[in-house]
C-alpha atoms as a PDB file:
ATOM      1  CA  MET A   1      55.471  58.055 -48.313  1.00  0.00           C
ATOM      2  CA  SER A   2      55.339  61.608 -49.017  1.00  0.00           C
ATOM      3  CA  ASN A   3      55.978  63.979 -52.028  1.00  0.00           C
ATOM      4  CA  GLN A   4      53.603  62.038 -54.699  1.00  0.00           C
ATOM      5  CA  LYS A   5      54.001  63.594 -57.855  1.00  0.00           C
ATOM      6  CA  VAL A   6      53.280  62.861 -61.868  1.00  0.00           C
ATOM      7  CA  ASN A   7      54.489  65.405 -64.017  1.00  0.00           C
ATOM      8  CA  LEU A   8      52.721  65.677 -67.520  1.00  0.00           C
ATOM      9  CA  TYR A   9      54.101  67.266 -70.559  1.00  0.00           C
ATOM     10  CA  ALA A  10      51.934  69.884 -72.248  1.00  0.00           C
ATOM     11  CA  GLY A  11      51.998  70.076 -75.830  1.00  0.00           C
ATOM     12  CA  ASN A  12      54.162  73.056 -75.678  1.00  0.00           C
ATOM     13  CA  GLY A  13      56.904  71.484 -73.918  1.00  0.00           C
ATOM     14  CA  SER A  14      56.306  72.919 -70.610  1.00  0.00           C
ATOM     15  CA  VAL A  15      55.649  70.529 -67.719  1.00  0.00           C
ATOM     16  CA  ASN A  16      52.513  70.347 -66.027  1.00  0.00           C
ATOM     17  CA  THR A  17      52.520  69.154 -62.680  1.00  0.00           C
ATOM     18  CA  ILE A  18      49.363  67.596 -60.749  1.00  0.00           C
ATOM     19  CA  THR A  19      50.867  67.736 -57.608  1.00  0.00           C
ATOM     20  CA  SER A  20      49.146  70.713 -56.587  1.00  0.00           C
ATOM     21  CA  THR A  21      45.804  69.815 -58.152  1.00  0.00           C
ATOM     22  CA  TYR A  22      45.399  66.683 -56.064  1.00  0.00           C
ATOM     23  CA  ALA A  23      46.154  68.930 -52.777  1.00  0.00           C
ATOM     24  CA  GLY A  24      44.403  68.946 -49.113  1.00  0.00           C
ATOM     25  CA  GLU A  25      41.891  66.364 -48.773  1.00  0.00           C
ATOM     26  CA  PHE A  26      41.787  64.519 -51.761  1.00  0.00           C
ATOM     27  CA  ALA A  27      45.696  64.233 -51.827  1.00  0.00           C
ATOM     28  CA  GLY A  28      45.756  62.447 -48.814  1.00  0.00           C
ATOM     29  CA  LYS A  29      42.721  60.039 -49.979  1.00  0.00           C
ATOM     30  CA  TYR A  30      45.113  59.224 -52.891  1.00  0.00           C
ATOM     31  CA  ILE A  31      48.196  58.483 -51.056  1.00  0.00           C
ATOM     32  CA  SER A  32      46.220  56.345 -48.672  1.00  0.00           C
ATOM     33  CA  ALA A  33      44.651  54.438 -51.210  1.00  0.00           C
ATOM     34  CA  ALA A  34      48.373  53.775 -52.818  1.00  0.00           C
ATOM     35  CA  LEU A  35      50.042  52.785 -49.685  1.00  0.00           C
ATOM     36  CA  LEU A  36      46.832  50.958 -47.726  1.00  0.00           C
ATOM     37  CA  THR A  37      45.516  48.698 -50.578  1.00  0.00           C
ATOM     38  CA  GLY A  38      48.511  45.882 -50.443  1.00  0.00           C
ATOM     39  CA  LYS A  39      47.513  42.656 -49.029  1.00  0.00           C
ATOM     40  CA  THR A  40      49.271  42.931 -45.842  1.00  0.00           C
ATOM     41  CA  LEU A  41      48.191  46.261 -44.686  1.00  0.00           C
ATOM     42  CA  ALA A  42      44.523  46.136 -46.039  1.00  0.00           C
ATOM     43  CA  ASP A  43      44.656  42.806 -43.749  1.00  0.00           C
ATOM     44  CA  GLY A  44      45.425  44.526 -40.532  1.00  0.00           C
ATOM     45  CA  ALA A  45      48.583  42.213 -40.361  1.00  0.00           C
ATOM     46  CA  ILE A  46      50.531  45.060 -39.541  1.00  0.00           C
ATOM     47  CA  THR A  47      49.884  47.873 -36.671  1.00  0.00           C
ATOM     48  CA  ILE A  48      49.673  50.928 -38.607  1.00  0.00           C
ATOM     49  CA  LYS A  49      51.431  53.848 -36.860  1.00  0.00           C
ATOM     50  CA  PRO A  50      50.030  57.143 -38.204  1.00  0.00           C
ATOM     51  CA  ASN A  51      51.639  60.677 -38.287  1.00  0.00           C
ATOM     52  CA  VAL A  52      54.984  60.122 -37.100  1.00  0.00           C
ATOM     53  CA  LYS A  53      56.976  62.925 -37.777  1.00  0.00           C
ATOM     54  CA  PHE A  54      60.412  62.018 -37.106  1.00  0.00           C
ATOM     55  CA  LYS A  55      60.928  59.241 -34.722  1.00  0.00           C
ATOM     56  CA  GLU A  56      58.709  57.138 -32.625  1.00  0.00           C
ATOM     57  CA  VAL A  57      59.967  54.833 -29.917  1.00  0.00           C
ATOM     58  CA  VAL A  58      58.553  51.661 -29.291  1.00  0.00           C
ATOM     59  CA  LYS A  59      59.094  49.856 -25.813  1.00  0.00           C
ATOM     60  CA  LYS A  60      59.534  46.186 -25.838  1.00  0.00           C
ATOM     61  CA  VAL A  61      59.084  44.145 -22.430  1.00  0.00           C
ATOM     62  CA  ALA A  62      61.059  40.846 -21.773  1.00  0.00           C
ATOM     63  CA  SER A  63      60.951  38.873 -18.319  1.00  0.00           C
ATOM     64  CA  THR A  64      62.063  35.706 -16.892  1.00  0.00           C
ATOM     65  CA  ASN A  65      60.287  33.386 -14.614  1.00  0.00           C
ATOM     66  CA  PHE A  66      59.780  35.474 -11.447  1.00  0.00           C
ATOM     67  CA  ILE A  67      56.913  33.241  -9.887  1.00  0.00           C
ATOM     68  CA  ALA A  68      58.107  31.294  -6.758  1.00  0.00           C
ATOM     69  CA  ASP A  69      57.035  29.579  -3.653  1.00  0.00           C
ATOM     70  CA  ALA A  70      55.170  31.320  -1.172  1.00  0.00           C
ATOM     71  CA  SER A  71      56.865  32.946   2.040  1.00  0.00           C
ATOM     72  CA  CYS A  72      56.713  35.274   4.658  1.00  0.00           C
ATOM     73  CA  ASP A  73      59.131  37.589   3.176  1.00  0.00           C
ATOM     74  CA  PHE A  74      60.244  39.048   0.161  1.00  0.00           C
ATOM     75  CA  SER A  75      63.388  37.028  -1.405  1.00  0.00           C
ATOM     76  CA  ALA A  76      65.531  38.786  -4.579  1.00  0.00           C
ATOM     77  CA  THR A  77      66.467  36.384  -7.386  1.00  0.00           C
ATOM     78  CA  ALA A  78      68.147  37.061 -10.639  1.00  0.00           C
ATOM     79  CA  ASP A  79      64.870  36.864 -12.122  1.00  0.00           C
ATOM     80  CA  SER A  80      63.830  40.537 -13.938  1.00  0.00           C
ATOM     81  CA  LEU A  81      61.677  42.387 -15.985  1.00  0.00           C
ATOM     82  CA  THR A  82      63.739  43.956 -18.636  1.00  0.00           C
ATOM     83  CA  LEU A  83      62.474  47.125 -21.095  1.00  0.00           C
ATOM     84  CA  THR A  84      64.501  47.574 -24.205  1.00  0.00           C
ATOM     85  CA  GLU A  85      62.981  49.601 -27.278  1.00  0.00           C
ATOM     86  CA  ARG A  86      62.652  49.745 -31.064  1.00  0.00           C
ATOM     87  CA  ILE A  87      63.248  53.086 -32.891  1.00  0.00           C
ATOM     88  CA  LEU A  88      60.297  53.556 -35.516  1.00  0.00           C
ATOM     89  CA  GLN A  89      61.663  56.013 -38.188  1.00  0.00           C
ATOM     90  CA  PRO A  90      59.581  57.096 -41.645  1.00  0.00           C
ATOM     91  CA  GLU A  91      61.247  56.870 -44.374  1.00  0.00           C
ATOM     92  CA  GLU A  92      60.404  59.360 -47.525  1.00  0.00           C
ATOM     93  CA  PHE A  93      59.835  57.930 -51.146  1.00  0.00           C
ATOM     94  CA  GLN A  94      58.449  60.121 -54.191  1.00  0.00           C
ATOM     95  CA  VAL A  95      56.992  59.045 -57.401  1.00  0.00           C
ATOM     96  CA  ASN A  96      58.627  60.327 -60.331  1.00  0.00           C
ATOM     97  CA  LEU A  97      56.378  60.114 -63.776  1.00  0.00           C
ATOM     98  CA  GLU A  98      56.621  62.032 -67.071  1.00  0.00           C
ATOM     99  CA  LEU A  99      54.113  61.889 -69.822  1.00  0.00           C
ATOM    100  CA  CYS A 100      54.039  63.994 -73.139  1.00  0.00           C
ATOM    101  CA  LYS A 101      50.769  64.420 -74.165  1.00  0.00           C
ATOM    102  CA  LYS A 102      50.840  64.086 -77.766  1.00  0.00           C
ATOM    103  CA  ASP A 103      52.249  60.702 -77.450  1.00  0.00           C
ATOM    104  CA  PHE A 104      48.752  59.638 -76.583  1.00  0.00           C
ATOM    105  CA  ARG A 105      46.669  61.992 -78.632  1.00  0.00           C
ATOM    106  CA  GLN A 106      45.741  59.000 -81.428  1.00  0.00           C
ATOM    107  CA  ASP A 107      45.351  56.126 -79.002  1.00  0.00           C
ATOM    108  CA  TRP A 108      43.505  57.447 -75.866  1.00  0.00           C
ATOM    109  CA  GLU A 109      40.119  59.215 -76.899  1.00  0.00           C
ATOM    110  CA  ALA A 110      41.684  61.622 -79.100  1.00  0.00           C
ATOM    111  CA  VAL A 111      37.953  63.414 -79.955  1.00  0.00           C
ATOM    112  CA  GLN A 112      37.246  64.384 -75.865  1.00  0.00           C
ATOM    113  CA  MET A 113      40.995  65.924 -76.033  1.00  0.00           C
ATOM    114  CA  GLY A 114      39.567  68.892 -78.209  1.00  0.00           C
ATOM    115  CA  TYR A 115      41.561  70.337 -81.150  1.00  0.00           C
ATOM    116  CA  SER A 116      43.497  72.861 -79.554  1.00  0.00           C
ATOM    117  CA  ALA A 117      47.249  72.473 -79.362  1.00  0.00           C
ATOM    118  CA  PHE A 118      46.599  73.664 -75.578  1.00  0.00           C
ATOM    119  CA  ASP A 119      44.040  71.230 -74.561  1.00  0.00           C
ATOM    120  CA  LYS A 120      44.367  69.056 -71.459  1.00  0.00           C
ATOM    121  CA  LEU A 121      44.569  65.382 -70.674  1.00  0.00           C
ATOM    122  CA  PRO A 122      40.990  63.562 -70.791  1.00  0.00           C
ATOM    123  CA  ALA A 123      39.677  63.063 -67.315  1.00  0.00           C
ATOM    124  CA  SER A 124      39.132  59.345 -67.800  1.00  0.00           C
ATOM    125  CA  PHE A 125      43.060  59.127 -68.792  1.00  0.00           C
ATOM    126  CA  SER A 126      44.147  60.952 -65.730  1.00  0.00           C
ATOM    127  CA  ASP A 127      41.959  58.501 -63.771  1.00  0.00           C
ATOM    128  CA  PHE A 128      44.065  55.675 -65.338  1.00  0.00           C
ATOM    129  CA  ILE A 129      47.449  56.856 -64.465  1.00  0.00           C
ATOM    130  CA  LEU A 130      46.387  57.683 -61.195  1.00  0.00           C
ATOM    131  CA  GLY A 131      44.844  54.651 -60.628  1.00  0.00           C
ATOM    132  CA  HIS A 132      47.768  52.374 -62.273  1.00  0.00           C
ATOM    133  CA  VAL A 133      50.320  54.755 -60.252  1.00  0.00           C
ATOM    134  CA  ALA A 134      48.712  54.164 -56.798  1.00  0.00           C
ATOM    135  CA  ALA A 135      48.192  50.313 -57.993  1.00  0.00           C
ATOM    136  CA  LYS A 136      52.052  50.361 -58.662  1.00  0.00           C
ATOM    137  CA  VAL A 137      52.884  51.880 -55.005  1.00  0.00           C
ATOM    138  CA  ALA A 138      50.831  49.643 -53.284  1.00  0.00           C
ATOM    139  CA  GLU A 139      52.485  46.716 -55.372  1.00  0.00           C
ATOM    140  CA  LYS A 140      55.788  47.871 -54.359  1.00  0.00           C
ATOM    141  CA  THR A 141      55.117  48.778 -50.596  1.00  0.00           C
ATOM    142  CA  GLU A 142      54.050  45.033 -50.190  1.00  0.00           C
ATOM    143  CA  GLN A 143      57.009  43.649 -51.880  1.00  0.00           C
ATOM    144  CA  ASN A 144      59.296  45.832 -49.255  1.00  0.00           C
ATOM    145  CA  ILE A 145      57.126  44.980 -46.311  1.00  0.00           C
ATOM    146  CA  TRP A 146      58.352  41.468 -46.825  1.00  0.00           C
ATOM    147  CA  ALA A 147      61.766  41.373 -48.976  1.00  0.00           C
ATOM    148  CA  GLY A 148      62.368  44.799 -48.866  1.00  0.00           C
ATOM    149  CA  VAL A 149      66.546  46.209 -48.645  1.00  0.00           C
ATOM    150  CA  ASN A 150      67.049  49.392 -47.450  1.00  0.00           C
ATOM    151  CA  ALA A 151      70.365  49.764 -49.504  1.00  0.00           C
ATOM    152  CA  ASN A 152      68.043  49.387 -52.740  1.00  0.00           C
ATOM    153  CA  ALA A 153      66.941  52.532 -53.956  1.00  0.00           C
ATOM    154  CA  GLY A 154      62.875  53.058 -53.116  1.00  0.00           C
ATOM    155  CA  GLU A 155      62.922  50.252 -50.680  1.00  0.00           C
ATOM    156  CA  PHE A 156      63.053  50.194 -46.607  1.00  0.00           C
ATOM    157  CA  ASP A 157      64.511  46.710 -44.751  1.00  0.00           C
ATOM    158  CA  GLY A 158      61.433  44.509 -45.207  1.00  0.00           C
ATOM    159  CA  LEU A 159      60.552  41.832 -42.412  1.00  0.00           C
ATOM    160  CA  THR A 160      62.656  39.164 -43.591  1.00  0.00           C
ATOM    161  CA  VAL A 161      65.765  41.144 -43.268  1.00  0.00           C
ATOM    162  CA  LEU A 162      65.073  42.780 -40.178  1.00  0.00           C
ATOM    163  CA  MET A 163      64.124  39.153 -38.568  1.00  0.00           C
ATOM    164  CA  ALA A 164      67.545  37.163 -39.933  1.00  0.00           C
ATOM    165  CA  ALA A 165      69.660  40.561 -38.242  1.00  0.00           C
ATOM    166  CA  ASP A 166      67.679  39.937 -34.719  1.00  0.00           C
ATOM    167  CA  GLY A 167      69.096  37.405 -32.632  1.00  0.00           C
ATOM    168  CA  ASP A 168      65.839  37.520 -30.551  1.00  0.00           C
ATOM    169  CA  VAL A 169      63.802  35.965 -33.611  1.00  0.00           C
ATOM    170  CA  ASN A 170      63.678  32.335 -33.545  1.00  0.00           C
ATOM    171  CA  ASP A 171      65.165  31.010 -36.860  1.00  0.00           C
ATOM    172  CA  ALA A 172      63.082  27.855 -38.073  1.00  0.00           C
ATOM    173  CA  ALA A 173      65.163  27.203 -41.366  1.00  0.00           C
ATOM    174  CA  ASN A 174      67.379  24.077 -41.912  1.00  0.00           C
ATOM    175  CA  GLY A 175      71.121  25.191 -42.058  1.00  0.00           C
ATOM    176  CA  SER A 176      71.562  23.815 -45.361  1.00  0.00           C
ATOM    177  CA  GLU A 177      67.992  25.342 -46.848  1.00  0.00           C
ATOM    178  CA  THR A 178      68.735  28.464 -48.815  1.00  0.00           C
ATOM    179  CA  SER A 179      65.389  28.744 -50.743  1.00  0.00           C
ATOM    180  CA  TYR A 180      61.933  27.817 -50.597  1.00  0.00           C
ATOM    181  CA  THR A 181      60.810  25.071 -53.156  1.00  0.00           C
ATOM    182  CA  SER A 182      57.979  22.493 -53.348  1.00  0.00           C
ATOM    183  CA  SER A 183      60.303  19.932 -52.050  1.00  0.00           C
ATOM    184  CA  ASN A 184      61.376  21.898 -48.686  1.00  0.00           C
ATOM    185  CA  ILE A 185      58.381  23.613 -48.128  1.00  0.00           C
ATOM    186  CA  VAL A 186      56.696  21.321 -46.002  1.00  0.00           C
ATOM    187  CA  THR A 187      59.868  20.556 -43.908  1.00  0.00           C
ATOM    188  CA  LEU A 188      60.500  24.294 -43.018  1.00  0.00           C
ATOM    189  CA  LEU A 189      56.568  24.924 -42.208  1.00  0.00           C
ATOM    190  CA  GLY A 190      57.130  21.684 -39.866  1.00  0.00           C
ATOM    191  CA  ASN A 191      60.408  23.512 -38.482  1.00  0.00           C
ATOM    192  CA  VAL A 192      58.279  26.998 -37.807  1.00  0.00           C
ATOM    193  CA  VAL A 193      55.631  24.854 -35.808  1.00  0.00           C
ATOM    194  CA  ASP A 194      58.616  23.014 -34.061  1.00  0.00           C
ATOM    195  CA  ALA A 195      60.028  26.299 -33.328  1.00  0.00           C
ATOM    196  CA  VAL A 196      56.814  28.043 -31.872  1.00  0.00           C
ATOM    197  CA  PRO A 197      57.673  28.440 -27.942  1.00  0.00           C
ATOM    198  CA  SER A 198      54.850  26.707 -25.584  1.00  0.00           C
ATOM    199  CA  ALA A 199      53.859  30.093 -24.230  1.00  0.00           C
ATOM    200  CA  VAL A 200      52.445  31.153 -27.479  1.00  0.00           C
ATOM    201  CA  TYR A 201      50.206  28.495 -28.487  1.00  0.00           C
ATOM    202  CA  GLY A 202      46.586  29.090 -27.752  1.00  0.00           C
ATOM    203  CA  LYS A 203      47.407  32.703 -28.483  1.00  0.00           C
ATOM    204  CA  GLU A 204      44.696  34.223 -30.881  1.00  0.00           C
ATOM    205  CA  ASP A 205      46.918  36.059 -32.851  1.00  0.00           C
ATOM    206  CA  LEU A 206      49.324  33.001 -33.494  1.00  0.00           C
ATOM    207  CA  THR A 207      48.862  32.645 -37.117  1.00  0.00           C
ATOM    208  CA  ILE A 208      51.300  30.836 -39.763  1.00  0.00           C
END
């Protein structure tokens, strides 16, 4: 996430941007709060790779059964250790929001805004807007993580989209099931359990 910007209209019609106001360390804290307060990220369910400037390569290791009966000589088999990779590439988003200050004079702490036509927005209102924007960013990020579609504006491919397109992922859904409902969810969860490879059972990070 980058280029976080909230544009505020002043009373004379010009645009004041708070981008430079919340620069440096505070900007980092604001962006961090906006991105990391969603449940999936906040709970540590996904590993966060910080400071990926362009792309980062993640190695994948796959192996077949290369354990054989002991003998005095090495015997080459068809079993192998395979290294593949995935590319992590950040996608940039921005928040576009413009507010006209005069729209809030009568309703939002008008006395604190003073009596000049060139007065400033009250700090409490600015804090409210920043908190509201941060919450919306966190909410959208959480939705994107699971069900985002890169073709849609403001979204990236989520886990369900990526897993559906990955042939290495075990698909636990019935072929006839096209949605998750109260009548089939128990069956689908049972399919998940049945599809868990035996080698995964007992792993501390196995979670449903």
